C-alpha atoms as a PDB file:
ATOM      1  CA  UNK A   1       1.062   0.390  17.549  1.00  0.00           C
ATOM      2  CA  UNK A   2       3.869  -2.048  18.333  1.00  0.00           C
ATOM      3  CA  UNK A   3       3.727  -0.962  21.980  1.00  0.00           C
ATOM      4  CA  UNK A   4      -0.057  -0.611  22.227  1.00  0.00           C
ATOM      5  CA  UNK A   5      -0.828  -3.818  20.349  1.00  0.00           C
ATOM      6  CA  UNK A   6      -3.406  -1.988  18.232  1.00  0.00           C
ATOM      7  CA  UNK A   7      -4.241  -3.761  14.963  1.00  0.00           C
ATOM      8  CA  UNK A   8      -6.838  -1.689  13.088  1.00  0.00           C
ATOM      9  CA  UNK A   9      -6.520  -3.485   9.759  1.00  0.00           C
ATOM     10  CA  UNK A  10      -8.598  -6.654   9.534  1.00  0.00           C
ATOM     11  CA  UNK A  11      -8.747  -9.274   6.783  1.00  0.00           C
ATOM     12  CA  UNK A  12     -12.335  -9.513   5.515  1.00  0.00           C
ATOM     13  CA  UNK A  13     -11.884 -13.190   4.686  1.00  0.00           C
ATOM     14  CA  UNK A  14     -10.348 -14.757   7.793  1.00  0.00           C
ATOM     15  CA  UNK A  15     -10.569 -11.955  10.360  1.00  0.00           C
ATOM     16  CA  UNK A  16      -6.828 -11.798  11.067  1.00  0.00           C
ATOM     17  CA  UNK A  17      -5.730  -8.314  12.198  1.00  0.00           C
ATOM     18  CA  UNK A  18      -2.650  -6.259  11.399  1.00  0.00           C
ATOM     19  CA  UNK A  19      -1.045  -3.050  12.626  1.00  0.00           C
ATOM     20  CA  UNK A  20      -0.074  -1.949   9.108  1.00  0.00           C
ATOM     21  CA  UNK A  21      -2.122  -1.784   5.914  1.00  0.00           C
ATOM     22  CA  UNK A  22       0.852  -3.080   3.913  1.00  0.00           C
ATOM     23  CA  UNK A  23       0.935  -6.218   6.082  1.00  0.00           C
ATOM     24  CA  UNK A  24      -2.774  -6.761   5.433  1.00  0.00           C
ATOM     25  CA  UNK A  25      -2.222  -6.436   1.671  1.00  0.00           C
ATOM     26  CA  UNK A  26       0.605  -8.995   1.765  1.00  0.00           C
ATOM     27  CA  UNK A  27      -1.546 -11.346   3.857  1.00  0.00           C
ATOM     28  CA  UNK A  28      -4.560 -10.971   1.522  1.00  0.00           C
ATOM     29  CA  UNK A  29      -2.592 -12.579  -1.293  1.00  0.00           C
ATOM     30  CA  UNK A  30      -2.802 -15.973   0.397  1.00  0.00           C
ATOM     31  CA  UNK A  31      -6.537 -15.920  -0.247  1.00  0.00           C
ATOM     32  CA  UNK A  32      -6.132 -15.211  -3.975  1.00  0.00           C
ATOM     33  CA  UNK A  33      -7.075 -18.246  -6.052  1.00  0.00           C
ATOM     34  CA  UNK A  34      -7.689 -19.017  -9.707  1.00  0.00           C
ATOM     35  CA  UNK A  35     -11.294 -18.051 -10.417  1.00  0.00           C
ATOM     36  CA  UNK A  36     -11.695 -20.957 -12.828  1.00  0.00           C
ATOM     37  CA  UNK A  37     -10.703 -23.499 -10.164  1.00  0.00           C
ATOM     38  CA  UNK A  38     -13.461 -25.812  -9.014  1.00  0.00           C
ATOM     39  CA  UNK A  39     -14.666 -24.308  -5.717  1.00  0.00           C
ATOM     40  CA  UNK A  40     -15.692 -27.664  -4.308  1.00  0.00           C
ATOM     41  CA  UNK A  41     -12.040 -28.753  -4.346  1.00  0.00           C
ATOM     42  CA  UNK A  42     -11.144 -25.920  -1.972  1.00  0.00           C
ATOM     43  CA  UNK A  43     -13.692 -26.751   0.732  1.00  0.00           C
ATOM     44  CA  UNK A  44     -12.114 -27.966   3.973  1.00  0.00           C
ATOM     45  CA  UNK A  45     -14.234 -29.452   6.746  1.00  0.00           C
ATOM     46  CA  UNK A  46     -13.664 -29.389  10.471  1.00  0.00           C
ATOM     47  CA  UNK A  47     -13.550 -32.963  11.778  1.00  0.00           C
ATOM     48  CA  UNK A  48     -15.172 -31.856  15.041  1.00  0.00           C
ATOM     49  CA  UNK A  49     -18.287 -30.075  13.762  1.00  0.00           C
ATOM     50  CA  UNK A  50     -18.092 -30.303   9.929  1.00  0.00           C
ATOM     51  CA  UNK A  51     -18.035 -26.516   9.541  1.00  0.00           C
ATOM     52  CA  UNK A  52     -16.598 -25.669   6.120  1.00  0.00           C
ATOM     53  CA  UNK A  53     -13.671 -23.398   5.280  1.00  0.00           C
ATOM     54  CA  UNK A  54     -11.926 -22.252   2.118  1.00  0.00           C
ATOM     55  CA  UNK A  55      -8.421 -22.042   3.565  1.00  0.00           C
ATOM     56  CA  UNK A  56      -6.230 -24.190   5.770  1.00  0.00           C
ATOM     57  CA  UNK A  57      -5.410 -21.196   7.974  1.00  0.00           C
ATOM     58  CA  UNK A  58      -9.105 -20.524   8.560  1.00  0.00           C
ATOM     59  CA  UNK A  59      -9.738 -24.166   9.409  1.00  0.00           C
ATOM     60  CA  UNK A  60      -6.795 -24.321  11.805  1.00  0.00           C
ATOM     61  CA  UNK A  61      -7.898 -21.149  13.564  1.00  0.00           C
ATOM     62  CA  UNK A  62     -11.418 -22.551  13.952  1.00  0.00           C
ATOM     63  CA  UNK A  63     -10.181 -25.897  15.317  1.00  0.00           C
ATOM     64  CA  UNK A  64      -8.611 -24.133  18.278  1.00  0.00           C
ATOM     65  CA  UNK A  65     -12.077 -23.144  19.486  1.00  0.00           C
ATOM     66  CA  UNK A  66     -12.868 -26.826  20.185  1.00  0.00           C
ATOM     67  CA  UNK A  67     -10.057 -27.239  22.689  1.00  0.00           C
ATOM     68  CA  UNK A  68     -10.230 -25.231  25.907  1.00  0.00           C
ATOM     69  CA  UNK A  69      -6.520 -25.608  26.709  1.00  0.00           C
ATOM     70  CA  UNK A  70      -5.576 -23.490  23.687  1.00  0.00           C
ATOM     71  CA  UNK A  71      -7.636 -20.548  24.963  1.00  0.00           C
ATOM     72  CA  UNK A  72      -5.010 -18.799  27.027  1.00  0.00           C
ATOM     73  CA  UNK A  73      -6.236 -15.214  26.584  1.00  0.00           C
ATOM     74  CA  UNK A  74      -8.777 -14.503  29.341  1.00  0.00           C
ATOM     75  CA  UNK A  75     -11.192 -11.584  29.650  1.00  0.00           C
ATOM     76  CA  UNK A  76     -10.717  -9.948  33.062  1.00  0.00           C
ATOM     77  CA  UNK A  77     -14.342  -8.813  33.083  1.00  0.00           C
ATOM     78  CA  UNK A  78     -16.380 -11.940  32.340  1.00  0.00           C
ATOM     79  CA  UNK A  79     -13.740 -14.664  32.421  1.00  0.00           C
ATOM     80  CA  UNK A  80     -14.317 -15.846  28.863  1.00  0.00           C
ATOM     81  CA  UNK A  81     -11.196 -17.248  27.170  1.00  0.00           C
ATOM     82  CA  UNK A  82      -9.921 -16.956  23.622  1.00  0.00           C
ATOM     83  CA  UNK A  83      -7.272 -18.608  21.510  1.00  0.00           C
ATOM     84  CA  UNK A  84      -5.875 -15.337  20.164  1.00  0.00           C
ATOM     85  CA  UNK A  85      -5.140 -11.984  21.779  1.00  0.00           C
ATOM     86  CA  UNK A  86      -6.697 -10.065  18.879  1.00  0.00           C
ATOM     87  CA  UNK A  87      -9.996 -11.910  19.429  1.00  0.00           C
ATOM     88  CA  UNK A  88      -9.900 -11.050  23.120  1.00  0.00           C
ATOM     89  CA  UNK A  89      -9.285  -7.396  22.273  1.00  0.00           C
ATOM     90  CA  UNK A  90     -12.324  -7.444  19.982  1.00  0.00           C
ATOM     91  CA  UNK A  91     -14.429  -9.115  22.685  1.00  0.00           C
ATOM     92  CA  UNK A  92     -13.495  -6.545  25.346  1.00  0.00           C
ATOM     93  CA  UNK A  93     -15.143  -3.848  23.228  1.00  0.00           C
ATOM     94  CA  UNK A  94     -18.487  -5.453  24.125  1.00  0.00           C
ATOM     95  CA  UNK A  95     -17.849  -4.517  27.750  1.00  0.00           C
ATOM     96  CA  UNK A  96     -16.265  -1.100  27.135  1.00  0.00           C
ATOM     97  CA  UNK A  97     -18.612  -0.044  24.328  1.00  0.00           C
ATOM     98  CA  UNK A  98     -15.576   1.108  22.356  1.00  0.00           C
ATOM     99  CA  UNK A  99     -16.287   1.730  18.670  1.00  0.00           C
ATOM    100  CA  UNK A 100     -13.118   3.083  17.052  1.00  0.00           C
ATOM    101  CA  UNK A 101     -14.269   2.806  13.445  1.00  0.00           C
ATOM    102  CA  UNK A 102     -16.522   5.656  12.280  1.00  0.00           C
ATOM    103  CA  UNK A 103     -18.393   6.099   8.998  1.00  0.00           C
ATOM    104  CA  UNK A 104     -17.192   9.304   7.330  1.00  0.00           C
ATOM    105  CA  UNK A 105     -20.614   9.889   5.791  1.00  0.00           C
ATOM    106  CA  UNK A 106     -23.140   9.394   8.589  1.00  0.00           C
ATOM    107  CA  UNK A 107     -20.793   9.196  11.620  1.00  0.00           C
ATOM    108  CA  UNK A 108     -22.159   5.829  12.742  1.00  0.00           C
ATOM    109  CA  UNK A 109     -19.532   3.971  14.777  1.00  0.00           C
ATOM    110  CA  UNK A 110     -18.483   0.328  14.842  1.00  0.00           C
ATOM    111  CA  UNK A 111     -16.234  -1.889  16.944  1.00  0.00           C
ATOM    112  CA  UNK A 112     -14.834  -3.698  13.879  1.00  0.00           C
ATOM    113  CA  UNK A 113     -13.466  -2.373  10.606  1.00  0.00           C
ATOM    114  CA  UNK A 114     -15.200  -5.199   8.742  1.00  0.00           C
ATOM    115  CA  UNK A 115     -18.570  -4.016  10.119  1.00  0.00           C
ATOM    116  CA  UNK A 116     -17.780  -0.496   8.955  1.00  0.00           C
ATOM    117  CA  UNK A 117     -16.953  -1.778   5.467  1.00  0.00           C
ATOM    118  CA  UNK A 118     -20.248  -3.665   5.269  1.00  0.00           C
ATOM    119  CA  UNK A 119     -22.128  -0.593   6.493  1.00  0.00           C
ATOM    120  CA  UNK A 120     -20.343   1.705   4.024  1.00  0.00           C
ATOM    121  CA  UNK A 121     -21.903  -0.161   1.126  1.00  0.00           C
ATOM    122  CA  UNK A 122     -25.277   1.438   1.864  1.00  0.00           C
ATOM    123  CA  UNK A 123     -23.728   4.755   0.903  1.00  0.00           C
ATOM    124  CA  UNK A 124     -22.254   3.490  -2.383  1.00  0.00           C
ATOM    125  CA  UNK A 125     -24.042   5.001  -5.377  1.00  0.00           C
ATOM    126  CA  UNK A 126     -23.314   6.579  -8.724  1.00  0.00           C
ATOM    127  CA  UNK A 127     -25.219   9.675  -7.665  1.00  0.00           C
ATOM    128  CA  UNK A 128     -23.603  12.708  -6.098  1.00  0.00           C
ATOM    129  CA  UNK A 129     -23.381  11.838  -2.387  1.00  0.00           C
ATOM    130  CA  UNK A 130     -24.089  15.390  -1.363  1.00  0.00           C
ATOM    131  CA  UNK A 131     -27.527  15.155  -2.964  1.00  0.00           C
ATOM    132  CA  UNK A 132     -28.539  12.477  -0.423  1.00  0.00           C
ATOM    133  CA  UNK A 133     -27.663  14.427   2.690  1.00  0.00           C
ATOM    134  CA  UNK A 134     -30.629  15.745   4.673  1.00  0.00           C
ATOM    135  CA  UNK A 135     -30.037  18.290   7.432  1.00  0.00           C
ATOM    136  CA  UNK A 136     -32.045  18.885  10.578  1.00  0.00           C
ATOM    137  CA  UNK A 137     -33.202  22.522  10.612  1.00  0.00           C
ATOM    138  CA  UNK A 138     -32.858  22.612  14.396  1.00  0.00           C
ATOM    139  CA  UNK A 139     -29.272  21.412  14.871  1.00  0.00           C
ATOM    140  CA  UNK A 140     -27.960  20.778  11.334  1.00  0.00           C
ATOM    141  CA  UNK A 141     -27.245  17.121  12.066  1.00  0.00           C
ATOM    142  CA  UNK A 142     -27.080  15.210   8.784  1.00  0.00           C
ATOM    143  CA  UNK A 143     -29.058  12.138   7.706  1.00  0.00           C
ATOM    144  CA  UNK A 144     -29.182  10.010   4.575  1.00  0.00           C
ATOM    145  CA  UNK A 145     -32.862   9.084   4.832  1.00  0.00           C
ATOM    146  CA  UNK A 146     -36.047  11.058   5.370  1.00  0.00           C
ATOM    147  CA  UNK A 147     -37.254   8.549   7.961  1.00  0.00           C
ATOM    148  CA  UNK A 148     -34.076   8.980   9.982  1.00  0.00           C
ATOM    149  CA  UNK A 149     -34.402  12.759   9.858  1.00  0.00           C
ATOM    150  CA  UNK A 150     -38.074  12.646  10.895  1.00  0.00           C
ATOM    151  CA  UNK A 151     -37.322  10.360  13.822  1.00  0.00           C
ATOM    152  CA  UNK A 152     -34.511  12.637  14.952  1.00  0.00           C
ATOM    153  CA  UNK A 153     -36.612  15.812  14.742  1.00  0.00           C
ATOM    154  CA  UNK A 154     -38.997  14.470  17.355  1.00  0.00           C
ATOM    155  CA  UNK A 155     -36.222  14.643  19.939  1.00  0.00           C
ATOM    156  CA  UNK A 156     -36.253  18.445  19.690  1.00  0.00           C
ATOM    157  CA  UNK A 157     -39.851  18.808  20.795  1.00  0.00           C
ATOM    158  CA  UNK A 158     -40.829  17.698  24.275  1.00  0.00           C
ATOM    159  CA  UNK A 159     -44.554  17.834  23.568  1.00  0.00           C
ATOM    160  CA  UNK A 160     -44.229  14.957  21.085  1.00  0.00           C
ATOM    161  CA  UNK A 161     -43.030  12.650  23.854  1.00  0.00           C
ATOM    162  CA  UNK A 162     -46.403  11.234  24.826  1.00  0.00           C
ATOM    163  CA  UNK A 163     -45.264   7.774  25.920  1.00  0.00           C
ATOM    164  CA  UNK A 164     -44.457   7.910  29.630  1.00  0.00           C
ATOM    165  CA  UNK A 165     -42.640   5.372  31.799  1.00  0.00           C
ATOM    166  CA  UNK A 166     -44.709   4.495  34.861  1.00  0.00           C
ATOM    167  CA  UNK A 167     -41.577   3.732  36.869  1.00  0.00           C
ATOM    168  CA  UNK A 168     -39.397   6.828  36.420  1.00  0.00           C
ATOM    169  CA  UNK A 169     -41.731   9.159  34.470  1.00  0.00           C
ATOM    170  CA  UNK A 170     -39.299   9.493  31.569  1.00  0.00           C
ATOM    171  CA  UNK A 171     -41.095  10.260  28.290  1.00  0.00           C
ATOM    172  CA  UNK A 172     -40.523   9.021  24.755  1.00  0.00           C
ATOM    173  CA  UNK A 173     -41.705   9.976  21.281  1.00  0.00           C
ATOM    174  CA  UNK A 174     -42.324   6.377  20.232  1.00  0.00           C
ATOM    175  CA  UNK A 175     -43.967   3.478  22.013  1.00  0.00           C
ATOM    176  CA  UNK A 176     -41.221   1.102  20.888  1.00  0.00           C
ATOM    177  CA  UNK A 177     -38.630   3.324  22.574  1.00  0.00           C
ATOM    178  CA  UNK A 178     -40.652   3.223  25.807  1.00  0.00           C
ATOM    179  CA  UNK A 179     -40.926  -0.554  25.605  1.00  0.00           C
ATOM    180  CA  UNK A 180     -37.165  -0.797  25.190  1.00  0.00           C
ATOM    181  CA  UNK A 181     -36.594   1.557  28.111  1.00  0.00           C
ATOM    182  CA  UNK A 182     -38.841  -0.392  30.492  1.00  0.00           C
ATOM    183  CA  UNK A 183     -36.486  -3.367  30.171  1.00  0.00           C
ATOM    184  CA  UNK A 184     -33.942  -1.301  32.101  1.00  0.00           C
ATOM    185  CA  UNK A 185     -36.265  -1.479  35.101  1.00  0.00           C
ATOM    186  CA  UNK A 186     -37.494  -5.050  34.641  1.00  0.00           C
ATOM    187  CA  UNK A 187     -34.141  -6.545  33.694  1.00  0.00           C
ATOM    188  CA  UNK A 188     -35.807  -8.339  30.803  1.00  0.00           C
ATOM    189  CA  UNK A 189     -33.402  -9.605  28.126  1.00  0.00           C
ATOM    190  CA  UNK A 190     -35.444 -11.316  25.404  1.00  0.00           C
ATOM    191  CA  UNK A 191     -32.624 -11.759  22.901  1.00  0.00           C
ATOM    192  CA  UNK A 192     -30.164 -14.585  23.639  1.00  0.00           C
ATOM    193  CA  UNK A 193     -27.098 -15.896  21.835  1.00  0.00           C
ATOM    194  CA  UNK A 194     -27.554 -19.422  20.486  1.00  0.00           C
ATOM    195  CA  UNK A 195     -23.848 -20.130  20.931  1.00  0.00           C
ATOM    196  CA  UNK A 196     -23.095 -19.034  24.509  1.00  0.00           C
ATOM    197  CA  UNK A 197     -26.628 -18.241  25.803  1.00  0.00           C
ATOM    198  CA  UNK A 198     -25.696 -14.688  26.817  1.00  0.00           C
ATOM    199  CA  UNK A 199     -28.807 -12.466  26.891  1.00  0.00           C
ATOM    200  CA  UNK A 200     -29.445  -8.923  25.648  1.00  0.00           C
ATOM    201  CA  UNK A 201     -32.200  -6.310  25.828  1.00  0.00           C
ATOM    202  CA  UNK A 202     -31.879  -5.318  22.163  1.00  0.00           C
ATOM    203  CA  UNK A 203     -31.485  -7.288  18.978  1.00  0.00           C
ATOM    204  CA  UNK A 204     -28.804  -4.854  17.879  1.00  0.00           C
ATOM    205  CA  UNK A 205     -26.682  -5.719  20.920  1.00  0.00           C
ATOM    206  CA  UNK A 206     -27.152  -9.421  20.167  1.00  0.00           C
ATOM    207  CA  UNK A 207     -26.023  -8.988  16.555  1.00  0.00           C
ATOM    208  CA  UNK A 208     -22.923  -7.072  17.681  1.00  0.00           C
ATOM    209  CA  UNK A 209     -22.157  -9.823  20.200  1.00  0.00           C
ATOM    210  CA  UNK A 210     -22.593 -12.612  17.618  1.00  0.00           C
ATOM    211  CA  UNK A 211     -19.903 -10.992  15.485  1.00  0.00           C
ATOM    212  CA  UNK A 212     -17.434 -12.031  18.184  1.00  0.00           C
ATOM    213  CA  UNK A 213     -18.296 -15.678  17.572  1.00  0.00           C
ATOM    214  CA  UNK A 214     -18.010 -15.183  13.830  1.00  0.00           C
ATOM    215  CA  UNK A 215     -14.426 -14.017  14.326  1.00  0.00           C
ATOM    216  CA  UNK A 216     -13.616 -17.040  16.479  1.00  0.00           C
ATOM    217  CA  UNK A 217     -15.005 -19.477  13.920  1.00  0.00           C
ATOM    218  CA  UNK A 218     -13.150 -18.066  10.906  1.00  0.00           C
END
């Protein structure tokens, strides 16, 4: 990872990334504080926008985003610049679609480890995990919800795809899926980022994109 620059371990508090888990654990200690300490005394405000932070390192990292000359790491695809190379690496995944972090339970993939950790909480339960797994009788793909399984089953039967695209004749099982597909032809992008105004065809893509800004602001 020294040669590749890969840093798969990310601090959930400030977003800083590390190549080794041990380095992340050492770093995490700087965020440890006395629980009885008055929280208000720890709040630090950015003098540029008054955004609040709990640590000096987080505040300093955020301040860099206000000054263009500190953003020396440039994306070769869209030209956007970043203050840190790790943030640029995270941003590039938007263009490449790379999602290296996979949920071991449902196989859903994520571009950030922090997103995977948040997602994993939906699987946390005191019940036997195996009792929640539902299998498709057609292909044995596993699901954790009956609604997810039912939606998936429709893909096995062509005659359930009654919603047809008038442009390319492709058919879909659900009207919402057809509506989403039509945007490919129209170029419509109804979801836009409030920070950089970039537009997206799906809300999910917008949410994934906004995570990039959350990293920059930490």
